[in-house]
Amino acid sequence: MTALDLADESLTGLLAWFSLIHIPDDEVRTVLAEFHRVLRPGGALLLAIKAGDSVHHKTEGYGGHPMNLHVHRRRPAAVVARLTEAGFTAEAELLHHPEPDTTGAFLFARR
């Protein structure tokens, strides 16, 4: 996501479904700038994130498979601020609670 093999303004929409959760904080701006680069003016971006203020290290995935990655929970307002910095206009934010004590967010923005 930091260097998409796509032409500038080549997409009308982009879906990043719980993708940013594995991107370190210092790379989020790069990813959002890349999303902005490949979207056409007016193009839609839909993000799903895990909401919160924490980083969790996962060593086991579904089915007990070993893994080594970090899950970043971010405040939706902080992601909206980064979207704005990247040149997007945030149009909608929806929080959801798929499990007790778990919050996610869907963020819709346009280039």
Protein backbone atom coordinates (compact mmCIF):
# COMPACT_ATOMS: atom_id res chain seq x y z
CA MET A 1 0.00 0.00 0.00
CA THR A 2 3.00 2.30 0.27
CA ALA A 3 3.85 1.97 -3.44
CA LEU A 4 0.84 0.84 -5.47
CA ASP A 5 1.59 -0.41 -8.97
CA LEU A 6 -1.17 1.74 -10.43
CA ALA A 7 -1.22 4.82 -12.61
CA ASP A 8 -2.08 8.23 -11.17
CA GLU A 9 -5.84 8.86 -11.00
CA SER A 10 -6.59 5.40 -12.38
CA LEU A 11 -9.24 4.31 -9.85
CA THR A 12 -12.77 5.55 -9.26
CA GLY A 13 -12.93 3.87 -5.85
CA LEU A 14 -10.75 2.15 -3.32
CA LEU A 15 -11.69 -0.19 -0.47
CA ALA A 16 -9.25 -0.73 2.41
CA TRP A 17 -11.10 -3.15 4.67
CA PHE A 18 -9.19 -3.46 7.94
CA SER A 19 -5.96 -3.00 5.96
CA LEU A 20 -4.56 -0.02 7.84
CA ILE A 21 -4.62 -2.01 11.08
CA HIS A 22 -1.30 -3.59 10.07
CA ILE A 23 0.39 -0.34 8.98
CA PRO A 24 2.68 1.31 11.56
CA ASP A 25 1.77 4.88 12.52
CA ASP A 26 4.81 6.33 10.74
CA GLU A 27 3.63 4.80 7.41
CA VAL A 28 -0.06 5.80 7.49
CA ARG A 29 0.59 9.17 5.83
CA THR A 30 2.48 7.43 3.02
CA VAL A 31 -0.37 4.96 2.46
CA LEU A 32 -3.04 7.68 2.42
CA ALA A 33 -0.95 9.78 0.02
CA GLU A 34 -0.68 6.75 -2.25
CA PHE A 35 -4.45 6.19 -2.06
CA HIS A 36 -4.94 9.86 -3.00
CA ARG A 37 -2.51 9.54 -5.92
CA VAL A 38 -4.30 6.59 -7.54
CA LEU A 39 -7.86 7.88 -7.05
CA ARG A 40 -9.47 10.13 -9.64
CA PRO A 41 -10.83 13.49 -8.50
CA GLY A 42 -14.10 12.75 -6.73
CA GLY A 43 -13.06 9.11 -6.27
CA ALA A 44 -14.38 7.28 -3.21
CA LEU A 45 -12.35 5.76 -0.40
CA LEU A 46 -13.93 3.44 2.13
CA LEU A 47 -11.83 2.45 5.14
CA ALA A 48 -12.65 0.02 7.93
CA ILE A 49 -10.52 0.29 11.06
CA LYS A 50 -10.37 -1.08 14.56
CA ALA A 51 -11.08 1.86 16.85
CA GLY A 52 -9.07 2.62 19.95
CA ASP A 53 -5.64 3.71 21.10
CA SER A 54 -3.53 0.57 21.27
CA VAL A 55 -1.20 -1.76 19.43
CA HIS A 56 -1.56 -5.49 19.94
CA HIS A 57 1.12 -8.01 18.89
CA LYS A 58 -0.45 -11.16 17.41
CA THR A 59 1.51 -14.39 17.35
CA GLU A 60 -1.38 -16.72 16.48
CA GLY A 61 -4.09 -16.38 13.87
CA TYR A 62 -7.34 -18.07 13.09
CA GLY A 63 -7.06 -21.83 13.38
CA GLY A 64 -3.94 -21.54 15.55
CA HIS A 65 -1.66 -20.62 12.66
CA PRO A 66 1.53 -18.83 13.76
CA MET A 67 1.91 -15.21 12.78
CA ASN A 68 3.97 -12.20 13.75
CA LEU A 69 2.19 -8.91 13.20
CA HIS A 70 0.85 -5.89 15.03
CA VAL A 71 -2.76 -4.75 15.09
CA HIS A 72 -3.10 -0.97 15.40
CA ARG A 73 -6.29 0.47 16.87
CA ARG A 74 -6.73 4.14 16.02
CA ARG A 75 -9.20 6.83 17.01
CA PRO A 76 -11.50 7.54 14.07
CA ALA A 77 -11.03 11.31 14.55
CA ALA A 78 -7.26 10.85 14.20
CA VAL A 79 -7.71 8.91 10.96
CA VAL A 80 -10.11 11.57 9.64
CA ALA A 81 -7.45 14.21 10.42
CA ARG A 82 -4.88 12.22 8.44
CA LEU A 83 -7.33 11.82 5.56
CA THR A 84 -7.81 15.58 5.50
CA GLU A 85 -4.03 16.14 5.55
CA ALA A 86 -3.76 13.78 2.55
CA GLY A 87 -6.27 15.85 0.57
CA PHE A 88 -9.44 13.84 1.17
CA THR A 89 -12.82 15.16 2.27
CA ALA A 90 -14.33 12.93 4.93
CA GLU A 91 -18.07 12.49 4.32
CA ALA A 92 -19.18 9.83 6.79
CA GLU A 93 -18.09 7.98 9.91
CA LEU A 94 -19.93 5.02 11.39
CA LEU A 95 -18.94 3.24 14.59
CA HIS A 96 -19.90 -0.38 15.10
CA HIS A 97 -19.59 -2.81 17.98
CA PRO A 98 -19.17 -6.32 16.55
CA GLU A 99 -18.38 -7.81 19.97
CA PRO A 100 -18.59 -6.59 23.55
CA ASP A 101 -15.68 -4.26 24.32
CA THR A 102 -14.78 -4.05 20.61
CA THR A 103 -15.32 -0.97 18.47
CA GLY A 104 -14.66 -0.54 14.80
CA ALA A 105 -15.27 2.31 12.41
CA PHE A 106 -16.14 2.73 8.77
CA LEU A 107 -14.86 5.97 7.23
CA PHE A 108 -15.98 7.25 3.83
CA ALA A 109 -14.03 9.99 2.06
CA ARG A 110 -13.61 11.47 -1.40
CA ARG A 111 -10.54 12.74 -3.20
